[in-house]
């Protein structure tokens, strides 16, 4: 499968199962402590980029309600249409995160939750390098990544009709990629899910 085929699988999967994945009125759930932690680290009216923003709930909604300026990017048209409706003060556009070209020092924080793991593995270190340049000095990256290495698909994802695709390295690899991008890891947690789980990193671009 070429990387375009894999991107199409992800896009079609979220187009088909957007509402099944998360309802309009979903609560913050397991994201609540992460979002509270991000808000504590941010200046007032911060500029935040939400990569893989989905339908805007809960990340963009929380940040917008807290007075921050949110830009959301997602590969799914359905998700972006929902985000524009659910978080009217945010700015949302459909794009492939690995193809973004944004000005350096644009954001106080970048959030990328359960999204990097849907991107081709070869593109992930380059995207992390880009994120580091998009952050202002002192800016934060909050991201969930793979804990153990795996690439593959799951048919009838979420008991629906679509196939979903993932590709991720293991936590030590992500640790080294973040450090190579010039980010300083301040915390790392394991987030269990079923029989496995994900790694969550807080990383900061220190003052230059």
N, C-alpha and C. Protein backbone atom coordinates (compact mmCIF):
# COMPACT_ATOMS: atom_id res chain seq x y z
N UNK A 1 0.84 -1.20 0.00
CA UNK A 1 0.00 0.00 0.00
C UNK A 1 0.88 1.25 0.00
N UNK A 2 0.62 2.16 -0.91
CA UNK A 2 1.35 3.43 -0.91
C UNK A 2 0.81 4.35 0.15
N UNK A 3 1.58 5.39 0.46
CA UNK A 3 1.16 6.27 1.56
C UNK A 3 -0.14 6.99 1.23
N UNK A 4 -0.41 7.26 -0.07
CA UNK A 4 -1.69 7.90 -0.41
C UNK A 4 -2.86 6.98 -0.13
N UNK A 5 -2.67 5.67 -0.41
CA UNK A 5 -3.72 4.70 -0.10
C UNK A 5 -4.00 4.68 1.40
N UNK A 6 -2.94 4.71 2.19
CA UNK A 6 -3.09 4.68 3.65
C UNK A 6 -3.80 5.94 4.14
N UNK A 7 -3.42 7.10 3.59
CA UNK A 7 -4.10 8.34 3.97
C UNK A 7 -5.58 8.28 3.61
N UNK A 8 -5.89 7.69 2.45
CA UNK A 8 -7.29 7.58 2.04
C UNK A 8 -8.07 6.68 2.99
N UNK A 9 -7.44 5.60 3.45
CA UNK A 9 -8.10 4.73 4.43
C UNK A 9 -8.47 5.50 5.69
N UNK A 10 -7.53 6.29 6.18
CA UNK A 10 -7.77 7.07 7.39
C UNK A 10 -8.88 8.10 7.15
N UNK A 11 -8.78 8.80 6.02
CA UNK A 11 -9.77 9.85 5.72
C UNK A 11 -11.17 9.23 5.58
N UNK A 12 -11.25 8.14 4.81
CA UNK A 12 -12.56 7.51 4.59
C UNK A 12 -13.11 6.93 5.88
N UNK A 13 -12.22 6.38 6.71
CA UNK A 13 -12.66 5.80 7.98
C UNK A 13 -13.30 6.83 8.89
N UNK A 14 -12.65 7.99 9.00
CA UNK A 14 -13.20 9.03 9.87
C UNK A 14 -14.40 9.72 9.23
N UNK A 15 -14.42 9.83 7.90
CA UNK A 15 -15.62 10.34 7.23
C UNK A 15 -16.82 9.47 7.57
N UNK A 16 -16.61 8.15 7.51
CA UNK A 16 -17.72 7.21 7.71
C UNK A 16 -18.15 7.11 9.16
N UNK A 17 -17.18 7.22 10.08
CA UNK A 17 -17.47 6.87 11.48
C UNK A 17 -17.30 8.06 12.43
N UNK A 18 -17.31 9.26 11.88
CA UNK A 18 -17.10 10.46 12.70
C UNK A 18 -18.03 10.49 13.91
N UNK A 19 -19.32 10.31 13.67
CA UNK A 19 -20.28 10.41 14.78
C UNK A 19 -20.18 9.20 15.71
N UNK A 20 -19.83 8.07 15.13
CA UNK A 20 -19.67 6.86 15.96
C UNK A 20 -18.46 7.02 16.88
N UNK A 21 -17.42 7.69 16.36
CA UNK A 21 -16.19 7.88 17.12
C UNK A 21 -16.41 8.85 18.27
N UNK A 22 -17.14 9.95 18.02
CA UNK A 22 -17.38 10.92 19.09
C UNK A 22 -18.63 11.73 18.77
N UNK A 23 -19.54 11.80 19.73
CA UNK A 23 -20.78 12.53 19.54
C UNK A 23 -20.56 14.04 19.70
N UNK A 24 -21.52 14.84 19.20
CA UNK A 24 -21.42 16.29 19.30
C UNK A 24 -21.24 16.74 20.75
N UNK A 25 -21.94 16.08 21.65
CA UNK A 25 -21.98 16.54 23.04
C UNK A 25 -21.10 15.69 23.97
N UNK A 26 -20.10 15.02 23.39
CA UNK A 26 -19.21 14.19 24.22
C UNK A 26 -18.52 15.05 25.27
N UNK A 27 -18.29 14.47 26.46
CA UNK A 27 -17.58 15.22 27.50
C UNK A 27 -16.07 15.11 27.27
N UNK A 28 -15.30 15.77 28.13
CA UNK A 28 -13.84 15.79 27.95
C UNK A 28 -13.19 14.44 28.24
N UNK A 29 -13.88 13.60 29.02
CA UNK A 29 -13.41 12.24 29.26
C UNK A 29 -11.97 12.20 29.75
N UNK A 30 -11.20 11.25 29.21
CA UNK A 30 -9.81 11.08 29.65
C UNK A 30 -8.94 12.28 29.27
N UNK A 31 -9.44 13.13 28.35
CA UNK A 31 -8.67 14.30 27.94
C UNK A 31 -8.67 15.38 29.01
N UNK A 32 -9.64 15.34 29.95
CA UNK A 32 -9.84 16.45 30.90
C UNK A 32 -8.56 16.85 31.62
N UNK A 33 -7.83 15.92 32.26
CA UNK A 33 -6.62 16.35 32.99
C UNK A 33 -5.53 16.87 32.05
N UNK A 34 -5.45 16.33 30.83
CA UNK A 34 -4.44 16.80 29.88
C UNK A 34 -4.75 18.23 29.46
N UNK A 35 -6.03 18.50 29.20
CA UNK A 35 -6.42 19.84 28.76
C UNK A 35 -6.25 20.86 29.89
N UNK A 36 -6.58 20.45 31.11
CA UNK A 36 -6.37 21.34 32.26
C UNK A 36 -4.89 21.64 32.42
N UNK A 37 -4.05 20.62 32.23
CA UNK A 37 -2.60 20.81 32.33
C UNK A 37 -2.07 21.73 31.24
N UNK A 38 -2.64 21.61 30.05
CA UNK A 38 -2.22 22.49 28.96
C UNK A 38 -2.61 23.94 29.25
N UNK A 39 -3.85 24.13 29.69
CA UNK A 39 -4.33 25.47 30.00
C UNK A 39 -3.45 26.15 31.06
N UNK A 40 -3.02 25.38 32.07
CA UNK A 40 -2.14 25.91 33.11
C UNK A 40 -0.80 26.38 32.54
N UNK A 41 -0.34 25.73 31.49
CA UNK A 41 0.97 26.05 30.92
C UNK A 41 0.91 27.20 29.93
N UNK A 42 -0.28 27.59 29.49
CA UNK A 42 -0.41 28.56 28.40
C UNK A 42 -0.58 29.98 28.91
N UNK A 43 -0.10 30.96 28.15
CA UNK A 43 -0.45 32.34 28.45
C UNK A 43 -1.92 32.58 28.09
N UNK A 44 -2.48 33.68 28.55
CA UNK A 44 -3.86 34.03 28.19
C UNK A 44 -3.95 34.25 26.69
N UNK A 45 -5.10 33.88 26.11
CA UNK A 45 -5.35 34.08 24.68
C UNK A 45 -4.23 33.50 23.82
N UNK A 46 -3.80 32.29 24.16
CA UNK A 46 -2.71 31.65 23.44
C UNK A 46 -3.18 31.18 22.05
N UNK A 47 -2.22 31.03 21.15
CA UNK A 47 -2.47 30.45 19.83
C UNK A 47 -2.10 28.97 19.89
N UNK A 48 -3.08 28.11 19.59
CA UNK A 48 -2.87 26.66 19.71
C UNK A 48 -3.25 25.99 18.39
N UNK A 49 -2.40 25.08 17.94
CA UNK A 49 -2.65 24.28 16.74
C UNK A 49 -3.06 22.88 17.18
N UNK A 50 -4.23 22.43 16.72
CA UNK A 50 -4.73 21.08 17.04
C UNK A 50 -4.61 20.24 15.77
N UNK A 51 -3.59 19.40 15.72
CA UNK A 51 -3.35 18.54 14.56
C UNK A 51 -4.14 17.24 14.71
N UNK A 52 -4.96 16.94 13.72
CA UNK A 52 -5.87 15.81 13.86
C UNK A 52 -6.99 16.18 14.81
N UNK A 53 -7.59 17.36 14.54
CA UNK A 53 -8.55 17.94 15.49
C UNK A 53 -9.87 17.20 15.54
N UNK A 54 -10.11 16.32 14.57
CA UNK A 54 -11.38 15.60 14.55
C UNK A 54 -12.55 16.57 14.47
N UNK A 55 -13.60 16.28 15.22
CA UNK A 55 -14.80 17.11 15.17
C UNK A 55 -14.70 18.34 16.07
N UNK A 56 -13.51 18.58 16.64
CA UNK A 56 -13.33 19.75 17.50
C UNK A 56 -13.64 19.51 18.96
N UNK A 57 -14.18 18.33 19.25
CA UNK A 57 -14.54 17.95 20.62
C UNK A 57 -13.64 16.80 21.05
N UNK A 58 -12.99 16.90 22.23
CA UNK A 58 -13.12 17.99 23.19
C UNK A 58 -12.02 19.06 23.13
N UNK A 59 -10.95 18.84 22.37
CA UNK A 59 -9.76 19.69 22.52
C UNK A 59 -10.03 21.13 22.11
N UNK A 60 -10.45 21.34 20.86
CA UNK A 60 -10.65 22.71 20.37
C UNK A 60 -11.76 23.40 21.17
N UNK A 61 -12.82 22.66 21.49
CA UNK A 61 -13.92 23.24 22.27
C UNK A 61 -13.42 23.74 23.63
N UNK A 62 -12.65 22.91 24.33
CA UNK A 62 -12.12 23.29 25.64
C UNK A 62 -11.25 24.54 25.52
N UNK A 63 -10.34 24.54 24.56
CA UNK A 63 -9.39 25.65 24.43
C UNK A 63 -10.10 26.94 24.03
N UNK A 64 -11.06 26.84 23.11
CA UNK A 64 -11.82 28.03 22.71
C UNK A 64 -12.61 28.58 23.89
N UNK A 65 -13.22 27.69 24.66
CA UNK A 65 -14.00 28.13 25.82
C UNK A 65 -13.10 28.78 26.88
N UNK A 66 -11.81 28.39 26.89
CA UNK A 66 -10.86 28.95 27.85
C UNK A 66 -10.23 30.25 27.33
N UNK A 67 -10.70 30.71 26.15
CA UNK A 67 -10.24 32.00 25.64
C UNK A 67 -9.04 31.95 24.72
N UNK A 68 -8.66 30.72 24.29
CA UNK A 68 -7.51 30.60 23.40
C UNK A 68 -7.94 30.64 21.94
N UNK A 69 -6.98 30.92 21.07
CA UNK A 69 -7.23 30.98 19.63
C UNK A 69 -6.78 29.65 19.02
N UNK A 70 -7.76 28.89 18.53
CA UNK A 70 -7.48 27.52 18.09
C UNK A 70 -7.53 27.42 16.57
N UNK A 71 -6.50 26.79 16.01
CA UNK A 71 -6.50 26.40 14.61
C UNK A 71 -6.50 24.88 14.57
N UNK A 72 -7.46 24.29 13.86
CA UNK A 72 -7.55 22.83 13.79
C UNK A 72 -7.36 22.34 12.37
N UNK A 73 -6.64 21.23 12.24
CA UNK A 73 -6.38 20.61 10.94
C UNK A 73 -6.78 19.14 11.04
N UNK A 74 -7.49 18.66 10.02
CA UNK A 74 -7.84 17.25 9.99
C UNK A 74 -7.96 16.81 8.53
N UNK A 75 -7.73 15.53 8.28
CA UNK A 75 -7.75 15.01 6.93
C UNK A 75 -9.17 14.66 6.46
N UNK A 76 -10.12 14.66 7.39
CA UNK A 76 -11.50 14.24 7.09
C UNK A 76 -12.41 15.45 6.88
N UNK A 77 -13.08 15.49 5.74
CA UNK A 77 -14.04 16.57 5.46
C UNK A 77 -15.17 16.59 6.47
N UNK A 78 -15.68 15.41 6.82
CA UNK A 78 -16.80 15.33 7.75
C UNK A 78 -16.39 15.90 9.11
N UNK A 79 -15.21 15.52 9.58
CA UNK A 79 -14.74 16.01 10.87
C UNK A 79 -14.59 17.53 10.86
N UNK A 80 -14.03 18.08 9.79
CA UNK A 80 -13.83 19.53 9.72
C UNK A 80 -15.16 20.26 9.67
N UNK A 81 -16.13 19.75 8.91
CA UNK A 81 -17.45 20.38 8.87
C UNK A 81 -18.07 20.41 10.27
N UNK A 82 -17.91 19.33 11.00
CA UNK A 82 -18.46 19.27 12.36
C UNK A 82 -17.72 20.25 13.28
N UNK A 83 -16.39 20.30 13.16
CA UNK A 83 -15.61 21.19 14.02
C UNK A 83 -16.03 22.65 13.81
N UNK A 84 -16.25 23.04 12.56
CA UNK A 84 -16.66 24.42 12.28
C UNK A 84 -18.01 24.73 12.93
N UNK A 85 -18.87 23.73 12.98
CA UNK A 85 -20.18 23.92 13.58
C UNK A 85 -20.12 23.90 15.11
N UNK A 86 -19.31 22.99 15.65
CA UNK A 86 -19.28 22.79 17.10
C UNK A 86 -18.39 23.80 17.82
N UNK A 87 -17.39 24.33 17.13
CA UNK A 87 -16.47 25.31 17.74
C UNK A 87 -16.39 26.51 16.81
N UNK A 88 -17.44 27.33 16.79
CA UNK A 88 -17.53 28.40 15.78
C UNK A 88 -16.44 29.45 15.88
N UNK A 89 -15.80 29.59 17.04
CA UNK A 89 -14.73 30.60 17.16
C UNK A 89 -13.38 30.07 16.71
N UNK A 90 -13.29 28.77 16.44
CA UNK A 90 -12.03 28.20 15.96
C UNK A 90 -11.87 28.38 14.46
N UNK A 91 -10.67 28.15 13.97
CA UNK A 91 -10.36 28.17 12.54
C UNK A 91 -9.97 26.76 12.13
N UNK A 92 -10.71 26.17 11.20
CA UNK A 92 -10.48 24.76 10.85
C UNK A 92 -10.31 24.61 9.35
N UNK A 93 -9.33 23.79 8.97
CA UNK A 93 -9.19 23.49 7.54
C UNK A 93 -8.76 22.05 7.34
N UNK A 94 -9.25 21.50 6.21
CA UNK A 94 -8.93 20.12 5.89
C UNK A 94 -7.59 20.08 5.17
N UNK A 95 -6.67 19.32 5.73
CA UNK A 95 -5.35 19.19 5.11
C UNK A 95 -4.67 17.96 5.70
N UNK A 96 -3.62 17.57 5.04
CA UNK A 96 -2.76 16.49 5.52
C UNK A 96 -1.69 17.13 6.40
N UNK A 97 -1.67 16.79 7.66
CA UNK A 97 -0.74 17.43 8.61
C UNK A 97 0.71 17.33 8.15
N UNK A 98 1.04 16.25 7.46
CA UNK A 98 2.44 16.06 7.04
C UNK A 98 2.82 16.98 5.89
N UNK A 99 1.83 17.64 5.28
CA UNK A 99 2.09 18.53 4.14
C UNK A 99 1.99 20.02 4.52
N UNK A 100 1.74 20.30 5.79
CA UNK A 100 1.52 21.69 6.20
C UNK A 100 2.80 22.52 6.07
N UNK A 101 2.60 23.77 5.68
CA UNK A 101 3.71 24.73 5.63
C UNK A 101 3.24 25.96 6.41
N UNK A 102 3.69 26.09 7.65
CA UNK A 102 3.22 27.17 8.52
C UNK A 102 4.41 28.04 8.93
N UNK A 103 4.16 29.31 9.24
CA UNK A 103 5.27 30.20 9.61
C UNK A 103 5.92 29.78 10.92
N UNK A 104 7.23 29.93 11.04
CA UNK A 104 7.91 29.61 12.31
C UNK A 104 7.38 30.48 13.45
N UNK A 105 7.39 29.92 14.65
CA UNK A 105 7.02 30.67 15.83
C UNK A 105 5.57 31.14 15.85
N UNK A 106 4.67 30.35 15.26
CA UNK A 106 3.26 30.76 15.14
C UNK A 106 2.41 30.41 16.35
N UNK A 107 2.84 29.41 17.14
CA UNK A 107 1.94 28.85 18.15
C UNK A 107 2.59 28.75 19.52
N UNK A 108 1.76 28.95 20.54
CA UNK A 108 2.18 28.73 21.92
C UNK A 108 2.11 27.25 22.30
N UNK A 109 1.30 26.48 21.56
CA UNK A 109 1.21 25.03 21.82
C UNK A 109 0.71 24.33 20.57
N UNK A 110 1.13 23.09 20.42
CA UNK A 110 0.60 22.19 19.40
C UNK A 110 0.09 20.95 20.13
N UNK A 111 -1.15 20.56 19.82
CA UNK A 111 -1.76 19.36 20.39
C UNK A 111 -1.92 18.35 19.26
N UNK A 112 -1.50 17.12 19.49
CA UNK A 112 -1.63 16.08 18.47
C UNK A 112 -1.96 14.77 19.19
N UNK A 113 -3.26 14.56 19.44
CA UNK A 113 -3.72 13.40 20.22
C UNK A 113 -4.33 12.34 19.31
N UNK A 114 -3.79 11.13 19.38
CA UNK A 114 -4.29 9.99 18.61
C UNK A 114 -4.35 10.30 17.11
N UNK A 115 -3.39 11.10 16.63
CA UNK A 115 -3.38 11.48 15.21
C UNK A 115 -2.08 11.12 14.52
N UNK A 116 -0.95 11.36 15.19
CA UNK A 116 0.35 11.04 14.59
C UNK A 116 0.40 9.56 14.18
N UNK A 117 -0.25 8.72 14.95
CA UNK A 117 -0.23 7.26 14.72
C UNK A 117 -1.05 6.84 13.50
N UNK A 118 -1.75 7.80 12.86
CA UNK A 118 -2.45 7.52 11.60
C UNK A 118 -1.67 8.05 10.40
N UNK A 119 -0.43 8.49 10.62
CA UNK A 119 0.37 9.05 9.52
C UNK A 119 1.50 8.09 9.18
N UNK A 120 1.92 8.08 7.90
CA UNK A 120 3.02 7.18 7.51
C UNK A 120 4.24 7.40 8.40
N UNK A 121 4.83 6.30 8.83
CA UNK A 121 5.92 6.35 9.81
C UNK A 121 7.07 7.23 9.32
N UNK A 122 7.37 7.16 8.02
CA UNK A 122 8.50 7.93 7.49
C UNK A 122 8.27 9.43 7.59
N UNK A 123 6.99 9.85 7.64
CA UNK A 123 6.68 11.28 7.72
C UNK A 123 6.70 11.81 9.15
N UNK A 124 6.65 10.92 10.13
CA UNK A 124 6.46 11.38 11.50
C UNK A 124 7.64 12.17 12.07
N UNK A 125 8.90 11.73 11.90
CA UNK A 125 10.00 12.55 12.45
C UNK A 125 10.06 13.93 11.80
N UNK A 126 9.77 13.98 10.50
CA UNK A 126 9.79 15.27 9.80
C UNK A 126 8.70 16.19 10.34
N UNK A 127 7.53 15.64 10.61
CA UNK A 127 6.45 16.45 11.17
C UNK A 127 6.83 16.97 12.56
N UNK A 128 7.45 16.13 13.38
CA UNK A 128 7.88 16.58 14.71
C UNK A 128 8.90 17.71 14.59
N UNK A 129 9.78 17.62 13.60
CA UNK A 129 10.74 18.71 13.37
C UNK A 129 10.00 19.99 12.99
N UNK A 130 8.96 19.86 12.15
CA UNK A 130 8.18 21.03 11.75
C UNK A 130 7.46 21.64 12.95
N UNK A 131 6.87 20.77 13.77
CA UNK A 131 6.16 21.25 14.96
C UNK A 131 7.09 22.08 15.84
N UNK A 132 8.31 21.61 15.99
CA UNK A 132 9.27 22.34 16.83
C UNK A 132 9.52 23.74 16.28
N UNK A 133 9.52 23.89 14.95
CA UNK A 133 9.74 25.23 14.37
C UNK A 133 8.49 26.09 14.49
N UNK A 134 7.29 25.47 14.46
CA UNK A 134 6.04 26.24 14.56
C UNK A 134 5.83 26.78 15.97
N UNK A 135 6.47 26.16 16.96
CA UNK A 135 6.30 26.60 18.35
C UNK A 135 7.14 27.84 18.63
N UNK A 136 6.57 28.72 19.42
CA UNK A 136 7.34 29.85 19.94
C UNK A 136 8.28 29.34 21.03
N UNK A 137 9.38 30.04 21.30
CA UNK A 137 10.22 29.65 22.44
C UNK A 137 9.36 29.55 23.71
N UNK A 138 9.52 28.45 24.44
CA UNK A 138 8.69 28.20 25.61
C UNK A 138 7.40 27.47 25.29
N UNK A 139 7.12 27.27 23.99
CA UNK A 139 5.87 26.62 23.58
C UNK A 139 5.87 25.13 23.86
N UNK A 140 4.66 24.57 23.90
CA UNK A 140 4.47 23.17 24.32
C UNK A 140 3.91 22.30 23.21
N UNK A 141 4.36 21.06 23.18
CA UNK A 141 3.72 20.00 22.40
C UNK A 141 3.14 18.98 23.37
N UNK A 142 1.85 18.70 23.20
CA UNK A 142 1.17 17.62 23.93
C UNK A 142 0.76 16.59 22.90
N UNK A 143 1.30 15.38 23.00
CA UNK A 143 1.01 14.38 21.97
C UNK A 143 0.90 12.97 22.55
N UNK A 144 0.02 12.17 21.95
CA UNK A 144 -0.02 10.74 22.24
C UNK A 144 0.54 10.01 21.02
N UNK A 145 1.38 9.04 21.29
CA UNK A 145 2.06 8.28 20.24
C UNK A 145 2.01 6.79 20.60
N UNK A 146 2.63 5.99 19.75
CA UNK A 146 2.67 4.57 20.04
C UNK A 146 3.52 4.27 21.25
N UNK A 147 3.15 3.21 21.96
CA UNK A 147 3.99 2.73 23.05
C UNK A 147 4.87 1.57 22.58
N UNK A 148 4.31 0.70 21.75
CA UNK A 148 5.08 -0.36 21.10
C UNK A 148 4.88 -0.23 19.59
N UNK A 149 5.86 -0.67 18.83
CA UNK A 149 5.83 -0.49 17.38
C UNK A 149 4.79 -1.40 16.73
N UNK A 150 4.00 -0.85 15.83
CA UNK A 150 3.01 -1.63 15.09
C UNK A 150 2.52 -0.84 13.89
N UNK A 151 2.37 -1.52 12.77
CA UNK A 151 1.72 -0.96 11.59
C UNK A 151 0.72 -1.98 11.09
N UNK A 152 -0.51 -1.54 10.83
CA UNK A 152 -1.51 -2.48 10.34
C UNK A 152 -2.88 -1.85 10.22
N UNK A 153 -3.82 -2.68 9.82
CA UNK A 153 -5.20 -2.22 9.62
C UNK A 153 -6.14 -3.03 10.50
N UNK A 154 -7.31 -2.47 10.71
CA UNK A 154 -8.38 -3.18 11.40
C UNK A 154 -9.67 -3.00 10.59
N UNK A 155 -10.21 -4.12 10.11
CA UNK A 155 -11.47 -4.07 9.38
C UNK A 155 -12.62 -3.87 10.36
N UNK A 156 -13.73 -3.33 9.85
CA UNK A 156 -14.93 -3.11 10.68
C UNK A 156 -14.57 -2.38 11.97
N UNK A 157 -13.74 -1.34 11.80
CA UNK A 157 -13.29 -0.53 12.94
C UNK A 157 -14.50 0.03 13.68
N UNK A 158 -14.45 -0.02 15.01
CA UNK A 158 -15.53 0.47 15.88
C UNK A 158 -16.88 -0.18 15.52
N UNK A 159 -16.81 -1.43 15.05
CA UNK A 159 -18.01 -2.19 14.65
C UNK A 159 -18.75 -1.53 13.49
N UNK A 160 -18.04 -0.71 12.72
CA UNK A 160 -18.65 -0.08 11.56
C UNK A 160 -18.23 -0.78 10.28
N UNK A 161 -18.43 -0.09 9.16
CA UNK A 161 -18.16 -0.71 7.86
C UNK A 161 -16.79 -0.35 7.31
N UNK A 162 -16.07 0.53 8.01
CA UNK A 162 -14.81 1.05 7.47
C UNK A 162 -13.60 0.31 8.03
N UNK A 163 -12.52 0.36 7.27
CA UNK A 163 -11.22 -0.14 7.70
C UNK A 163 -10.38 1.04 8.18
N UNK A 164 -9.65 0.85 9.28
CA UNK A 164 -8.76 1.92 9.77
C UNK A 164 -7.32 1.42 9.73
N UNK A 165 -6.39 2.37 9.59
CA UNK A 165 -4.96 2.07 9.45
C UNK A 165 -4.16 2.88 10.46
N UNK A 166 -3.16 2.22 11.04
CA UNK A 166 -2.25 2.87 11.99
C UNK A 166 -0.81 2.54 11.64
N UNK A 167 0.09 3.41 12.06
CA UNK A 167 1.51 3.10 11.96
C UNK A 167 2.25 3.86 13.05
N UNK A 168 2.88 3.13 13.94
CA UNK A 168 3.63 3.84 14.98
C UNK A 168 4.87 3.08 15.42
N UNK A 169 5.81 3.87 15.88
CA UNK A 169 7.05 3.35 16.46
C UNK A 169 6.80 3.07 17.95
N UNK A 170 7.87 2.75 18.68
CA UNK A 170 7.72 2.53 20.12
C UNK A 170 8.10 3.81 20.88
N UNK A 171 7.78 3.83 22.17
CA UNK A 171 7.98 5.04 22.97
C UNK A 171 9.44 5.52 22.97
N UNK A 172 10.45 4.64 23.11
CA UNK A 172 11.83 5.14 23.08
C UNK A 172 12.18 5.83 21.77
N UNK A 173 11.63 5.34 20.64
CA UNK A 173 11.89 5.97 19.35
C UNK A 173 11.29 7.37 19.32
N UNK A 174 10.04 7.50 19.79
CA UNK A 174 9.43 8.83 19.84
C UNK A 174 10.21 9.77 20.76
N UNK A 175 10.71 9.22 21.85
CA UNK A 175 11.52 10.03 22.77
C UNK A 175 12.71 10.62 22.02
N UNK A 176 13.39 9.77 21.24
CA UNK A 176 14.58 10.25 20.53
C UNK A 176 14.19 11.20 19.41
N UNK A 177 13.06 10.96 18.73
CA UNK A 177 12.63 11.88 17.66
C UNK A 177 12.30 13.26 18.23
N UNK A 178 11.63 13.29 19.37
CA UNK A 178 11.30 14.58 20.00
C UNK A 178 12.57 15.34 20.37
N UNK A 179 13.53 14.62 20.94
CA UNK A 179 14.78 15.26 21.34
C UNK A 179 15.57 15.74 20.13
N UNK A 180 15.57 14.94 19.06
CA UNK A 180 16.28 15.32 17.83
C UNK A 180 15.63 16.55 17.19
N UNK A 181 14.33 16.74 17.42
CA UNK A 181 13.63 17.91 16.90
C UNK A 181 13.94 19.17 17.71
N UNK A 182 14.67 19.01 18.81
CA UNK A 182 15.04 20.15 19.63
C UNK A 182 14.05 20.43 20.75
N UNK A 183 13.19 19.46 21.05
CA UNK A 183 12.22 19.62 22.13
C UNK A 183 12.71 18.93 23.39
N UNK A 184 12.38 19.51 24.53
CA UNK A 184 12.76 18.96 25.83
C UNK A 184 11.55 18.26 26.44
N UNK A 185 11.66 16.97 26.68
CA UNK A 185 10.56 16.20 27.26
C UNK A 185 10.50 16.47 28.76
N UNK A 186 9.35 16.93 29.22
CA UNK A 186 9.21 17.23 30.65
C UNK A 186 8.39 16.17 31.38
N UNK A 187 7.60 15.39 30.65
CA UNK A 187 6.83 14.32 31.28
C UNK A 187 6.45 13.29 30.23
N UNK A 188 6.33 12.05 30.69
CA UNK A 188 5.90 10.95 29.82
C UNK A 188 5.01 10.03 30.64
N UNK A 189 3.87 9.67 30.07
CA UNK A 189 2.93 8.77 30.77
C UNK A 189 2.52 7.65 29.84
N UNK A 190 2.11 6.53 30.44
CA UNK A 190 1.51 5.44 29.68
C UNK A 190 0.00 5.51 29.85
N UNK A 191 -0.72 5.54 28.73
CA UNK A 191 -2.18 5.63 28.75
C UNK A 191 -2.73 4.28 28.30
N UNK A 192 -3.21 3.43 29.24
CA UNK A 192 -3.66 2.11 28.84
C UNK A 192 -4.91 2.16 27.97
N UNK A 193 -5.00 1.24 27.04
CA UNK A 193 -6.20 1.08 26.21
C UNK A 193 -6.31 -0.38 25.84
N UNK A 194 -7.35 -1.03 26.35
CA UNK A 194 -7.49 -2.46 26.10
C UNK A 194 -6.28 -3.22 26.63
N UNK A 195 -5.73 -4.08 25.77
CA UNK A 195 -4.58 -4.89 26.19
C UNK A 195 -3.26 -4.15 25.97
N UNK A 196 -3.32 -2.97 25.35
CA UNK A 196 -2.08 -2.24 25.08
C UNK A 196 -2.22 -0.81 25.58
N UNK A 197 -1.85 0.16 24.78
CA UNK A 197 -1.97 1.55 25.20
C UNK A 197 -1.08 2.46 24.39
N UNK A 198 -1.00 3.71 24.81
CA UNK A 198 -0.24 4.73 24.11
C UNK A 198 0.68 5.44 25.09
N UNK A 199 1.69 6.10 24.55
CA UNK A 199 2.56 6.97 25.34
C UNK A 199 2.11 8.42 25.14
N UNK A 200 2.06 9.16 26.24
CA UNK A 200 1.72 10.58 26.19
C UNK A 200 2.96 11.38 26.59
N UNK A 201 3.30 12.35 25.75
CA UNK A 201 4.47 13.19 26.03
C UNK A 201 4.08 14.65 26.16
N UNK A 202 4.67 15.30 27.15
CA UNK A 202 4.74 16.76 27.24
C UNK A 202 6.16 17.15 26.84
N UNK A 203 6.27 17.98 25.81
CA UNK A 203 7.60 18.42 25.37
C UNK A 203 7.58 19.93 25.13
N UNK A 204 8.68 20.57 25.43
CA UNK A 204 8.73 22.04 25.35
C UNK A 204 9.88 22.50 24.47
N UNK A 205 9.60 23.52 23.68
CA UNK A 205 10.67 24.20 22.98
C UNK A 205 11.22 25.27 23.93
N UNK A 206 12.43 25.07 24.37
CA UNK A 206 12.99 26.00 25.37
C UNK A 206 13.34 27.32 24.72
N UNK A 207 13.53 28.33 25.55
CA UNK A 207 13.89 29.66 25.04
C UNK A 207 15.15 29.56 24.19
N UNK A 208 15.08 30.20 23.03
CA UNK A 208 16.26 30.13 22.15
C UNK A 208 17.17 31.32 22.39
